[in-house]
mmCIF file of all heavy atoms, coordinates in Angstrom:
data_MODEL
# 
_entry.id   MODEL 
# 
loop_
_atom_site.group_PDB 
_atom_site.id 
_atom_site.type_symbol 
_atom_site.label_atom_id 
_atom_site.label_alt_id 
_atom_site.label_comp_id 
_atom_site.label_asym_id 
_atom_site.label_entity_id 
_atom_site.label_seq_id 
_atom_site.pdbx_PDB_ins_code 
_atom_site.Cartn_x 
_atom_site.Cartn_y 
_atom_site.Cartn_z 
_atom_site.occupancy 
_atom_site.B_iso_or_equiv 
_atom_site.pdbx_formal_charge 
_atom_site.auth_seq_id 
_atom_site.auth_comp_id 
_atom_site.auth_asym_id 
_atom_site.auth_atom_id 
_atom_site.pdbx_PDB_model_num 
ATOM 1   N N   . ILE A 1 1  ? 89.354  113.686 105.512 1.00 0.00 ? 1  ILE A N   1 
ATOM 2   C CA  . ILE A 1 1  ? 90.547  113.439 104.704 1.00 0.00 ? 1  ILE A CA  1 
ATOM 3   C C   . ILE A 1 1  ? 90.404  114.080 103.326 1.00 0.00 ? 1  ILE A C   1 
ATOM 4   O O   . ILE A 1 1  ? 91.310  114.758 102.831 1.00 0.00 ? 1  ILE A O   1 
ATOM 5   C CB  . ILE A 1 1  ? 90.806  111.926 104.573 1.00 0.00 ? 1  ILE A CB  1 
ATOM 6   C CG1 . ILE A 1 1  ? 91.266  111.345 105.916 1.00 0.00 ? 1  ILE A CG1 1 
ATOM 7   C CG2 . ILE A 1 1  ? 91.850  111.635 103.498 1.00 0.00 ? 1  ILE A CG2 1 
ATOM 8   C CD1 . ILE A 1 1  ? 91.328  109.832 105.929 1.00 0.00 ? 1  ILE A CD1 1 
ATOM 9   N N   . VAL A 1 2  ? 89.248  113.878 102.702 1.00 0.00 ? 2  VAL A N   1 
ATOM 10  C CA  . VAL A 1 2  ? 89.018  114.400 101.354 1.00 0.00 ? 2  VAL A CA  1 
ATOM 11  C C   . VAL A 1 2  ? 88.997  115.923 101.340 1.00 0.00 ? 2  VAL A C   1 
ATOM 12  O O   . VAL A 1 2  ? 89.644  116.565 100.501 1.00 0.00 ? 2  VAL A O   1 
ATOM 13  C CB  . VAL A 1 2  ? 87.705  113.826 100.782 1.00 0.00 ? 2  VAL A CB  1 
ATOM 14  C CG1 . VAL A 1 2  ? 87.310  114.555 99.506  1.00 0.00 ? 2  VAL A CG1 1 
ATOM 15  C CG2 . VAL A 1 2  ? 87.851  112.331 100.509 1.00 0.00 ? 2  VAL A CG2 1 
ATOM 16  N N   . LEU A 1 3  ? 88.260  116.524 102.265 1.00 0.00 ? 3  LEU A N   1 
ATOM 17  C CA  . LEU A 1 3  ? 88.077  117.972 102.235 1.00 0.00 ? 3  LEU A CA  1 
ATOM 18  C C   . LEU A 1 3  ? 89.297  118.735 102.743 1.00 0.00 ? 3  LEU A C   1 
ATOM 19  O O   . LEU A 1 3  ? 89.626  119.814 102.235 1.00 0.00 ? 3  LEU A O   1 
ATOM 20  C CB  . LEU A 1 3  ? 86.844  118.374 103.038 1.00 0.00 ? 3  LEU A CB  1 
ATOM 21  C CG  . LEU A 1 3  ? 85.508  117.843 102.503 1.00 0.00 ? 3  LEU A CG  1 
ATOM 22  C CD1 . LEU A 1 3  ? 84.348  118.410 103.303 1.00 0.00 ? 3  LEU A CD1 1 
ATOM 23  C CD2 . LEU A 1 3  ? 85.330  118.153 101.025 1.00 0.00 ? 3  LEU A CD2 1 
ATOM 24  N N   . GLU A 1 4  ? 89.990  118.190 103.749 1.00 0.00 ? 4  GLU A N   1 
ATOM 25  C CA  . GLU A 1 4  ? 91.178  118.876 104.263 1.00 0.00 ? 4  GLU A CA  1 
ATOM 26  C C   . GLU A 1 4  ? 92.429  118.533 103.461 1.00 0.00 ? 4  GLU A C   1 
ATOM 27  O O   . GLU A 1 4  ? 93.453  119.205 103.588 1.00 0.00 ? 4  GLU A O   1 
ATOM 28  C CB  . GLU A 1 4  ? 91.385  118.545 105.735 1.00 0.00 ? 4  GLU A CB  1 
ATOM 29  C CG  . GLU A 1 4  ? 90.283  119.100 106.622 1.00 0.00 ? 4  GLU A CG  1 
ATOM 30  C CD  . GLU A 1 4  ? 90.569  118.939 108.103 1.00 0.00 ? 4  GLU A CD  1 
ATOM 31  O OE1 . GLU A 1 4  ? 91.635  118.348 108.446 1.00 0.00 ? 4  GLU A OE1 1 
ATOM 32  O OE2 . GLU A 1 4  ? 89.751  119.395 108.920 1.00 0.00 ? 4  GLU A OE2 1 
ATOM 33  N N   . GLY A 1 5  ? 92.345  117.486 102.664 1.00 0.00 ? 5  GLY A N   1 
ATOM 34  C CA  . GLY A 1 5  ? 93.449  117.158 101.767 1.00 0.00 ? 5  GLY A CA  1 
ATOM 35  C C   . GLY A 1 5  ? 94.661  116.573 102.440 1.00 0.00 ? 5  GLY A C   1 
ATOM 36  O O   . GLY A 1 5  ? 95.787  116.718 101.943 1.00 0.00 ? 5  GLY A O   1 
ATOM 37  N N   . LYS A 1 6  ? 94.477  115.866 103.551 1.00 0.00 ? 6  LYS A N   1 
ATOM 38  C CA  . LYS A 1 6  ? 95.620  115.246 104.228 1.00 0.00 ? 6  LYS A CA  1 
ATOM 39  C C   . LYS A 1 6  ? 95.134  114.152 105.171 1.00 0.00 ? 6  LYS A C   1 
ATOM 40  O O   . LYS A 1 6  ? 93.969  114.136 105.584 1.00 0.00 ? 6  LYS A O   1 
ATOM 41  C CB  . LYS A 1 6  ? 96.417  116.290 105.009 1.00 0.00 ? 6  LYS A CB  1 
ATOM 42  C CG  . LYS A 1 6  ? 95.632  116.991 106.100 1.00 0.00 ? 6  LYS A CG  1 
ATOM 43  C CD  . LYS A 1 6  ? 96.481  118.052 106.795 1.00 0.00 ? 6  LYS A CD  1 
ATOM 44  C CE  . LYS A 1 6  ? 95.669  118.767 107.886 1.00 0.00 ? 6  LYS A CE  1 
ATOM 45  N NZ  . LYS A 1 6  ? 96.482  119.807 108.562 1.00 0.00 ? 6  LYS A NZ  1 
ATOM 46  N N   . ILE A 1 7  ? 96.053  113.245 105.498 1.00 0.00 ? 7  ILE A N   1 
ATOM 47  C CA  . ILE A 1 7  ? 95.761  112.184 106.444 1.00 0.00 ? 7  ILE A CA  1 
ATOM 48  C C   . ILE A 1 7  ? 96.039  112.697 107.852 1.00 0.00 ? 7  ILE A C   1 
ATOM 49  O O   . ILE A 1 7  ? 97.142  113.156 108.138 1.00 0.00 ? 7  ILE A O   1 
ATOM 50  C CB  . ILE A 1 7  ? 96.623  110.936 106.167 1.00 0.00 ? 7  ILE A CB  1 
ATOM 51  C CG1 . ILE A 1 7  ? 96.435  110.462 104.725 1.00 0.00 ? 7  ILE A CG1 1 
ATOM 52  C CG2 . ILE A 1 7  ? 96.289  109.820 107.155 1.00 0.00 ? 7  ILE A CG2 1 
ATOM 53  C CD1 . ILE A 1 7  ? 95.035  110.021 104.395 1.00 0.00 ? 7  ILE A CD1 1 
ATOM 54  N N   . PRO A 1 8  ? 95.073  112.647 108.761 1.00 0.00 ? 8  PRO A N   1 
ATOM 55  C CA  . PRO A 1 8  ? 95.326  113.117 110.123 1.00 0.00 ? 8  PRO A CA  1 
ATOM 56  C C   . PRO A 1 8  ? 96.411  112.287 110.799 1.00 0.00 ? 8  PRO A C   1 
ATOM 57  O O   . PRO A 1 8  ? 96.543  111.089 110.551 1.00 0.00 ? 8  PRO A O   1 
ATOM 58  C CB  . PRO A 1 8  ? 93.971  112.917 110.826 1.00 0.00 ? 8  PRO A CB  1 
ATOM 59  C CG  . PRO A 1 8  ? 92.972  112.784 109.734 1.00 0.00 ? 8  PRO A CG  1 
ATOM 60  C CD  . PRO A 1 8  ? 93.693  112.188 108.567 1.00 0.00 ? 8  PRO A CD  1 
ATOM 61  N N   . ARG A 1 9  ? 97.167  112.924 111.653 1.00 0.00 ? 9  ARG A N   1 
ATOM 62  C CA  . ARG A 1 9  ? 98.235  112.214 112.366 1.00 0.00 ? 9  ARG A CA  1 
ATOM 63  C C   . ARG A 1 9  ? 97.689  111.091 113.241 1.00 0.00 ? 9  ARG A C   1 
ATOM 64  O O   . ARG A 1 9  ? 98.369  110.103 113.497 1.00 0.00 ? 9  ARG A O   1 
ATOM 65  C CB  . ARG A 1 9  ? 99.028  113.203 113.222 1.00 0.00 ? 9  ARG A CB  1 
ATOM 66  C CG  . ARG A 1 9  ? 99.856  114.199 112.411 1.00 0.00 ? 9  ARG A CG  1 
ATOM 67  C CD  . ARG A 1 9  ? 100.667 115.094 113.323 1.00 0.00 ? 9  ARG A CD  1 
ATOM 68  N NE  . ARG A 1 9  ? 101.503 116.027 112.560 1.00 0.00 ? 9  ARG A NE  1 
ATOM 69  C CZ  . ARG A 1 9  ? 102.301 116.929 113.113 1.00 0.00 ? 9  ARG A CZ  1 
ATOM 70  N NH1 . ARG A 1 9  ? 102.373 117.020 114.443 1.00 0.00 ? 9  ARG A NH1 1 
ATOM 71  N NH2 . ARG A 1 9  ? 103.019 117.732 112.360 1.00 0.00 ? 9  ARG A NH2 1 
ATOM 72  N N   . ALA A 1 10 ? 96.476  111.277 113.718 1.00 0.00 ? 10 ALA A N   1 
ATOM 73  C CA  . ALA A 1 10 ? 95.887  110.288 114.617 1.00 0.00 ? 10 ALA A CA  1 
ATOM 74  C C   . ALA A 1 10 ? 95.354  109.058 113.886 1.00 0.00 ? 10 ALA A C   1 
ATOM 75  O O   . ALA A 1 10 ? 94.879  108.118 114.516 1.00 0.00 ? 10 ALA A O   1 
ATOM 76  C CB  . ALA A 1 10 ? 94.760  110.930 115.414 1.00 0.00 ? 10 ALA A CB  1 
ATOM 77  N N   . MET A 1 11 ? 95.462  109.046 112.544 1.00 0.00 ? 11 MET A N   1 
ATOM 78  C CA  . MET A 1 11 ? 94.902  107.938 111.768 1.00 0.00 ? 11 MET A CA  1 
ATOM 79  C C   . MET A 1 11 ? 95.507  106.599 112.200 1.00 0.00 ? 11 MET A C   1 
ATOM 80  O O   . MET A 1 11 ? 94.792  105.615 112.407 1.00 0.00 ? 11 MET A O   1 
ATOM 81  C CB  . MET A 1 11 ? 95.173  108.166 110.281 1.00 0.00 ? 11 MET A CB  1 
ATOM 82  C CG  . MET A 1 11 ? 94.545  107.145 109.366 1.00 0.00 ? 11 MET A CG  1 
ATOM 83  S SD  . MET A 1 11 ? 92.801  107.460 109.077 1.00 0.00 ? 11 MET A SD  1 
ATOM 84  C CE  . MET A 1 11 ? 92.394  106.110 107.971 1.00 0.00 ? 11 MET A CE  1 
ATOM 85  N N   . ALA A 1 12 ? 96.814  106.551 112.353 1.00 0.00 ? 12 ALA A N   1 
ATOM 86  C CA  . ALA A 1 12 ? 97.468  105.296 112.731 1.00 0.00 ? 12 ALA A CA  1 
ATOM 87  C C   . ALA A 1 12 ? 97.042  104.843 114.123 1.00 0.00 ? 12 ALA A C   1 
ATOM 88  O O   . ALA A 1 12 ? 96.950  103.644 114.401 1.00 0.00 ? 12 ALA A O   1 
ATOM 89  C CB  . ALA A 1 12 ? 98.985  105.454 112.668 1.00 0.00 ? 12 ALA A CB  1 
ATOM 90  N N   . MET A 1 13 ? 96.744  105.813 114.993 1.00 0.00 ? 13 MET A N   1 
ATOM 91  C CA  . MET A 1 13 ? 96.313  105.472 116.349 1.00 0.00 ? 13 MET A CA  1 
ATOM 92  C C   . MET A 1 13 ? 94.924  104.839 116.357 1.00 0.00 ? 13 MET A C   1 
ATOM 93  O O   . MET A 1 13 ? 94.547  104.186 117.333 1.00 0.00 ? 13 MET A O   1 
ATOM 94  C CB  . MET A 1 13 ? 96.300  106.736 117.215 1.00 0.00 ? 13 MET A CB  1 
ATOM 95  C CG  . MET A 1 13 ? 97.647  107.407 117.360 1.00 0.00 ? 13 MET A CG  1 
ATOM 96  S SD  . MET A 1 13 ? 98.840  106.361 118.235 1.00 0.00 ? 13 MET A SD  1 
ATOM 97  C CE  . MET A 1 13 ? 98.096  106.324 119.864 1.00 0.00 ? 13 MET A CE  1 
ATOM 98  N N   . ALA A 1 14 ? 94.178  105.023 115.284 1.00 0.00 ? 14 ALA A N   1 
ATOM 99  C CA  . ALA A 1 14 ? 92.815  104.503 115.213 1.00 0.00 ? 14 ALA A CA  1 
ATOM 100 C C   . ALA A 1 14 ? 92.762  103.099 114.626 1.00 0.00 ? 14 ALA A C   1 
ATOM 101 O O   . ALA A 1 14 ? 91.678  102.574 114.361 1.00 0.00 ? 14 ALA A O   1 
ATOM 102 C CB  . ALA A 1 14 ? 91.943  105.439 114.379 1.00 0.00 ? 14 ALA A CB  1 
ATOM 103 N N   . GLU A 1 15 ? 93.913  102.477 114.403 1.00 0.00 ? 15 GLU A N   1 
ATOM 104 C CA  . GLU A 1 15 ? 93.933  101.119 113.868 1.00 0.00 ? 15 GLU A CA  1 
ATOM 105 C C   . GLU A 1 15 ? 93.253  100.147 114.830 1.00 0.00 ? 15 GLU A C   1 
ATOM 106 O O   . GLU A 1 15 ? 93.268  100.327 116.049 1.00 0.00 ? 15 GLU A O   1 
ATOM 107 C CB  . GLU A 1 15 ? 95.372  100.664 113.611 1.00 0.00 ? 15 GLU A CB  1 
ATOM 108 C CG  . GLU A 1 15 ? 96.044  101.350 112.429 1.00 0.00 ? 15 GLU A CG  1 
ATOM 109 C CD  . GLU A 1 15 ? 97.441  100.814 112.172 1.00 0.00 ? 15 GLU A CD  1 
ATOM 110 O OE1 . GLU A 1 15 ? 97.927  100.019 112.999 1.00 0.00 ? 15 GLU A OE1 1 
ATOM 111 O OE2 . GLU A 1 15 ? 98.051  101.188 111.155 1.00 0.00 ? 15 GLU A OE2 1 
ATOM 112 N N   . TYR A 1 16 ? 92.664  99.105  114.273 1.00 0.00 ? 16 TYR A N   1 
ATOM 113 C CA  . TYR A 1 16 ? 92.044  98.040  115.056 1.00 0.00 ? 16 TYR A CA  1 
ATOM 114 C C   . TYR A 1 16 ? 93.109  97.394  115.937 1.00 0.00 ? 16 TYR A C   1 
ATOM 115 O O   . TYR A 1 16 ? 94.195  97.048  115.481 1.00 0.00 ? 16 TYR A O   1 
ATOM 116 C CB  . TYR A 1 16 ? 91.435  97.017  114.094 1.00 0.00 ? 16 TYR A CB  1 
ATOM 117 C CG  . TYR A 1 16 ? 90.810  95.810  114.734 1.00 0.00 ? 16 TYR A CG  1 
ATOM 118 C CD1 . TYR A 1 16 ? 89.652  95.938  115.496 1.00 0.00 ? 16 TYR A CD1 1 
ATOM 119 C CD2 . TYR A 1 16 ? 91.357  94.550  114.559 1.00 0.00 ? 16 TYR A CD2 1 
ATOM 120 C CE1 . TYR A 1 16 ? 89.058  94.824  116.068 1.00 0.00 ? 16 TYR A CE1 1 
ATOM 121 C CE2 . TYR A 1 16 ? 90.761  93.430  115.131 1.00 0.00 ? 16 TYR A CE2 1 
ATOM 122 C CZ  . TYR A 1 16 ? 89.618  93.572  115.893 1.00 0.00 ? 16 TYR A CZ  1 
ATOM 123 O OH  . TYR A 1 16 ? 89.025  92.477  116.457 1.00 0.00 ? 16 TYR A OH  1 
ATOM 124 N N   . LYS A 1 17 ? 92.811  97.219  117.216 1.00 0.00 ? 17 LYS A N   1 
ATOM 125 C CA  . LYS A 1 17 ? 93.846  96.849  118.183 1.00 0.00 ? 17 LYS A CA  1 
ATOM 126 C C   . LYS A 1 17 ? 93.927  95.349  118.464 1.00 0.00 ? 17 LYS A C   1 
ATOM 127 O O   . LYS A 1 17 ? 94.772  94.918  119.259 1.00 0.00 ? 17 LYS A O   1 
ATOM 128 C CB  . LYS A 1 17 ? 93.616  97.598  119.495 1.00 0.00 ? 17 LYS A CB  1 
ATOM 129 C CG  . LYS A 1 17 ? 93.714  99.118  119.339 1.00 0.00 ? 17 LYS A CG  1 
ATOM 130 C CD  . LYS A 1 17 ? 93.600  99.831  120.668 1.00 0.00 ? 17 LYS A CD  1 
ATOM 131 C CE  . LYS A 1 17 ? 93.644  101.351 120.493 1.00 0.00 ? 17 LYS A CE  1 
ATOM 132 N NZ  . LYS A 1 17 ? 94.891  101.808 119.867 1.00 0.00 ? 17 LYS A NZ  1 
ATOM 133 N N   . PHE A 1 18 ? 93.071  94.561  117.824 1.00 0.00 ? 18 PHE A N   1 
ATOM 134 C CA  . PHE A 1 18 ? 93.053  93.147  118.162 1.00 0.00 ? 18 PHE A CA  1 
ATOM 135 C C   . PHE A 1 18 ? 93.531  92.233  117.030 1.00 0.00 ? 18 PHE A C   1 
ATOM 136 O O   . PHE A 1 18 ? 93.186  91.067  116.990 1.00 0.00 ? 18 PHE A O   1 
ATOM 137 C CB  . PHE A 1 18 ? 91.648  92.731  118.609 1.00 0.00 ? 18 PHE A CB  1 
ATOM 138 C CG  . PHE A 1 18 ? 91.223  93.375  119.893 1.00 0.00 ? 18 PHE A CG  1 
ATOM 139 C CD1 . PHE A 1 18 ? 90.319  94.419  119.884 1.00 0.00 ? 18 PHE A CD1 1 
ATOM 140 C CD2 . PHE A 1 18 ? 91.743  92.956  121.098 1.00 0.00 ? 18 PHE A CD2 1 
ATOM 141 C CE1 . PHE A 1 18 ? 89.930  95.032  121.061 1.00 0.00 ? 18 PHE A CE1 1 
ATOM 142 C CE2 . PHE A 1 18 ? 91.365  93.556  122.289 1.00 0.00 ? 18 PHE A CE2 1 
ATOM 143 C CZ  . PHE A 1 18 ? 90.456  94.597  122.262 1.00 0.00 ? 18 PHE A CZ  1 
ATOM 144 N N   . PHE A 1 19 ? 94.309  92.786  116.089 1.00 0.00 ? 19 PHE A N   1 
ATOM 145 C CA  . PHE A 1 19 ? 94.937  91.920  115.099 1.00 0.00 ? 19 PHE A CA  1 
ATOM 146 C C   . PHE A 1 19 ? 95.979  91.043  115.794 1.00 0.00 ? 19 PHE A C   1 
ATOM 147 O O   . PHE A 1 19 ? 96.669  91.513  116.715 1.00 0.00 ? 19 PHE A O   1 
ATOM 148 C CB  . PHE A 1 19 ? 95.646  92.742  114.011 1.00 0.00 ? 19 PHE A CB  1 
ATOM 149 C CG  . PHE A 1 19 ? 94.743  93.149  112.880 1.00 0.00 ? 19 PHE A CG  1 
ATOM 150 C CD1 . PHE A 1 19 ? 94.605  94.477  112.526 1.00 0.00 ? 19 PHE A CD1 1 
ATOM 151 C CD2 . PHE A 1 19 ? 94.038  92.194  112.167 1.00 0.00 ? 19 PHE A CD2 1 
ATOM 152 C CE1 . PHE A 1 19 ? 93.785  94.849  111.487 1.00 0.00 ? 19 PHE A CE1 1 
ATOM 153 C CE2 . PHE A 1 19 ? 93.215  92.560  111.128 1.00 0.00 ? 19 PHE A CE2 1 
ATOM 154 C CZ  . PHE A 1 19 ? 93.083  93.892  110.788 1.00 0.00 ? 19 PHE A CZ  1 
ATOM 155 N N   . PRO A 1 20 ? 96.121  89.787  115.384 1.00 0.00 ? 20 PRO A N   1 
ATOM 156 C CA  . PRO A 1 20 ? 97.213  88.971  115.926 1.00 0.00 ? 20 PRO A CA  1 
ATOM 157 C C   . PRO A 1 20 ? 98.551  89.659  115.702 1.00 0.00 ? 20 PRO A C   1 
ATOM 158 O O   . PRO A 1 20 ? 98.761  90.334  114.697 1.00 0.00 ? 20 PRO A O   1 
ATOM 159 C CB  . PRO A 1 20 ? 97.106  87.672  115.107 1.00 0.00 ? 20 PRO A CB  1 
ATOM 160 C CG  . PRO A 1 20 ? 95.680  87.622  114.655 1.00 0.00 ? 20 PRO A CG  1 
ATOM 161 C CD  . PRO A 1 20 ? 95.273  89.047  114.439 1.00 0.00 ? 20 PRO A CD  1 
ATOM 162 N N   . LYS A 1 21 ? 99.459  89.511  116.650 1.00 0.00 ? 21 LYS A N   1 
ATOM 163 C CA  . LYS A 1 21 ? 100.725 90.243  116.587 1.00 0.00 ? 21 LYS A CA  1 
ATOM 164 C C   . LYS A 1 21 ? 101.568 89.856  115.372 1.00 0.00 ? 21 LYS A C   1 
ATOM 165 O O   . LYS A 1 21 ? 102.411 90.620  114.920 1.00 0.00 ? 21 LYS A O   1 
ATOM 166 C CB  . LYS A 1 21 ? 101.516 90.004  117.865 1.00 0.00 ? 21 LYS A CB  1 
ATOM 167 C CG  . LYS A 1 21 ? 100.870 90.629  119.094 1.00 0.00 ? 21 LYS A CG  1 
ATOM 168 C CD  . LYS A 1 21 ? 101.714 90.429  120.344 1.00 0.00 ? 21 LYS A CD  1 
ATOM 169 C CE  . LYS A 1 21 ? 101.060 91.095  121.556 1.00 0.00 ? 21 LYS A CE  1 
ATOM 170 N NZ  . LYS A 1 21 ? 101.860 90.908  122.789 1.00 0.00 ? 21 LYS A NZ  1 
ATOM 171 N N   . ASP A 1 22 ? 101.325 88.660  114.836 1.00 0.00 ? 22 ASP A N   1 
ATOM 172 C CA  . ASP A 1 22 ? 102.117 88.229  113.689 1.00 0.00 ? 22 ASP A CA  1 
ATOM 173 C C   . ASP A 1 22 ? 101.472 88.607  112.359 1.00 0.00 ? 22 ASP A C   1 
ATOM 174 O O   . ASP A 1 22 ? 101.944 88.204  111.302 1.00 0.00 ? 22 ASP A O   1 
ATOM 175 C CB  . ASP A 1 22 ? 102.335 86.708  113.731 1.00 0.00 ? 22 ASP A CB  1 
ATOM 176 C CG  . ASP A 1 22 ? 101.019 85.943  113.715 1.00 0.00 ? 22 ASP A CG  1 
ATOM 177 O OD1 . ASP A 1 22 ? 99.980  86.548  114.055 1.00 0.00 ? 22 ASP A OD1 1 
ATOM 178 O OD2 . ASP A 1 22 ? 101.044 84.748  113.381 1.00 0.00 ? 22 ASP A OD2 1 
ATOM 179 N N   . LYS A 1 23 ? 100.399 89.381  112.416 1.00 0.00 ? 23 LYS A N   1 
ATOM 180 C CA  . LYS A 1 23 ? 99.724  89.794  111.193 1.00 0.00 ? 23 LYS A CA  1 
ATOM 181 C C   . LYS A 1 23 ? 99.519  91.310  111.203 1.00 0.00 ? 23 LYS A C   1 
ATOM 182 O O   . LYS A 1 23 ? 99.522  91.948  112.238 1.00 0.00 ? 23 LYS A O   1 
ATOM 183 C CB  . LYS A 1 23 ? 98.363  89.098  111.058 1.00 0.00 ? 23 LYS A CB  1 
ATOM 184 C CG  . LYS A 1 23 ? 98.454  87.592  110.869 1.00 0.00 ? 23 LYS A CG  1 
ATOM 185 C CD  . LYS A 1 23 ? 97.071  86.995  110.662 1.00 0.00 ? 23 LYS A CD  1 
ATOM 186 C CE  . LYS A 1 23 ? 97.159  85.489  110.436 1.00 0.00 ? 23 LYS A CE  1 
ATOM 187 N NZ  . LYS A 1 23 ? 95.815  84.891  110.229 1.00 0.00 ? 23 LYS A NZ  1 
ATOM 188 N N   . SER A 1 24 ? 99.362  91.868  110.039 1.00 0.00 ? 24 SER A N   1 
ATOM 189 C CA  . SER A 1 24 ? 99.060  93.293  109.925 1.00 0.00 ? 24 SER A CA  1 
ATOM 190 C C   . SER A 1 24 ? 98.164  93.504  108.715 1.00 0.00 ? 24 SER A C   1 
ATOM 191 O O   . SER A 1 24 ? 98.141  92.696  107.793 1.00 0.00 ? 24 SER A O   1 
ATOM 192 C CB  . SER A 1 24 ? 100.339 94.120  109.787 1.00 0.00 ? 24 SER A CB  1 
ATOM 193 O OG  . SER A 1 24 ? 101.028 93.781  108.597 1.00 0.00 ? 24 SER A OG  1 
ATOM 194 N N   . SER A 1 25 ? 97.436  94.582  108.732 1.00 0.00 ? 25 SER A N   1 
ATOM 195 C CA  . SER A 1 25 ? 96.530  94.873  107.628 1.00 0.00 ? 25 SER A CA  1 
ATOM 196 C C   . SER A 1 25 ? 96.474  96.373  107.414 1.00 0.00 ? 25 SER A C   1 
ATOM 197 O O   . SER A 1 25 ? 96.518  97.152  108.368 1.00 0.00 ? 25 SER A O   1 
ATOM 198 C CB  . SER A 1 25 ? 95.127  94.334  107.939 1.00 0.00 ? 25 SER A CB  1 
ATOM 199 O OG  . SER A 1 25 ? 94.239  94.604  106.889 1.00 0.00 ? 25 SER A OG  1 
ATOM 200 N N   . ASN A 1 26 ? 96.389  96.783  106.170 1.00 0.00 ? 26 ASN A N   1 
ATOM 201 C CA  . ASN A 1 26 ? 96.281  98.202  105.859 1.00 0.00 ? 26 ASN A CA  1 
ATOM 202 C C   . ASN A 1 26 ? 94.877  98.708  106.179 1.00 0.00 ? 26 ASN A C   1 
ATOM 203 O O   . ASN A 1 26 ? 93.916  97.938  106.227 1.00 0.00 ? 26 ASN A O   1 
ATOM 204 C CB  . ASN A 1 26 ? 96.607  98.455  104.388 1.00 0.00 ? 26 ASN A CB  1 
ATOM 205 C CG  . ASN A 1 26 ? 98.038  98.082  104.054 1.00 0.00 ? 26 ASN A CG  1 
ATOM 206 O OD1 . ASN A 1 26 ? 98.915  98.117  104.913 1.00 0.00 ? 26 ASN A OD1 1 
ATOM 207 N ND2 . ASN A 1 26 ? 98.276  97.715  102.805 1.00 0.00 ? 26 ASN A ND2 1 
ATOM 208 N N   . GLN A 1 27 ? 94.766  99.998  106.377 1.00 0.00 ? 27 GLN A N   1 
ATOM 209 C CA  . GLN A 1 27 ? 93.468  100.624 106.606 1.00 0.00 ? 27 GLN A CA  1 
ATOM 210 C C   . GLN A 1 27 ? 92.827  100.952 105.256 1.00 0.00 ? 27 GLN A C   1 
ATOM 211 O O   . GLN A 1 27 ? 93.483  101.501 104.371 1.00 0.00 ? 27 GLN A O   1 
ATOM 212 C CB  . GLN A 1 27 ? 93.628  101.892 107.437 1.00 0.00 ? 27 GLN A CB  1 
ATOM 213 C CG  . GLN A 1 27 ? 94.116  101.628 108.855 1.00 0.00 ? 27 GLN A CG  1 
ATOM 214 C CD  . GLN A 1 27 ? 94.461  102.905 109.582 1.00 0.00 ? 27 GLN A CD  1 
ATOM 215 O OE1 . GLN A 1 27 ? 95.377  103.619 109.195 1.00 0.00 ? 27 GLN A OE1 1 
ATOM 216 N NE2 . GLN A 1 27 ? 93.732  103.221 110.645 1.00 0.00 ? 27 GLN A NE2 1 
# 
C-alpha cells in the first residue's frame, strides 16, 4: 500500500469473515 501508493481492490475482500452480522469494524 505504501510503496504502490494505493489501496488494492482486493483489500475489502480480505476482511475478517466472522464478525457478527449486526456489527462492523474498520480495517
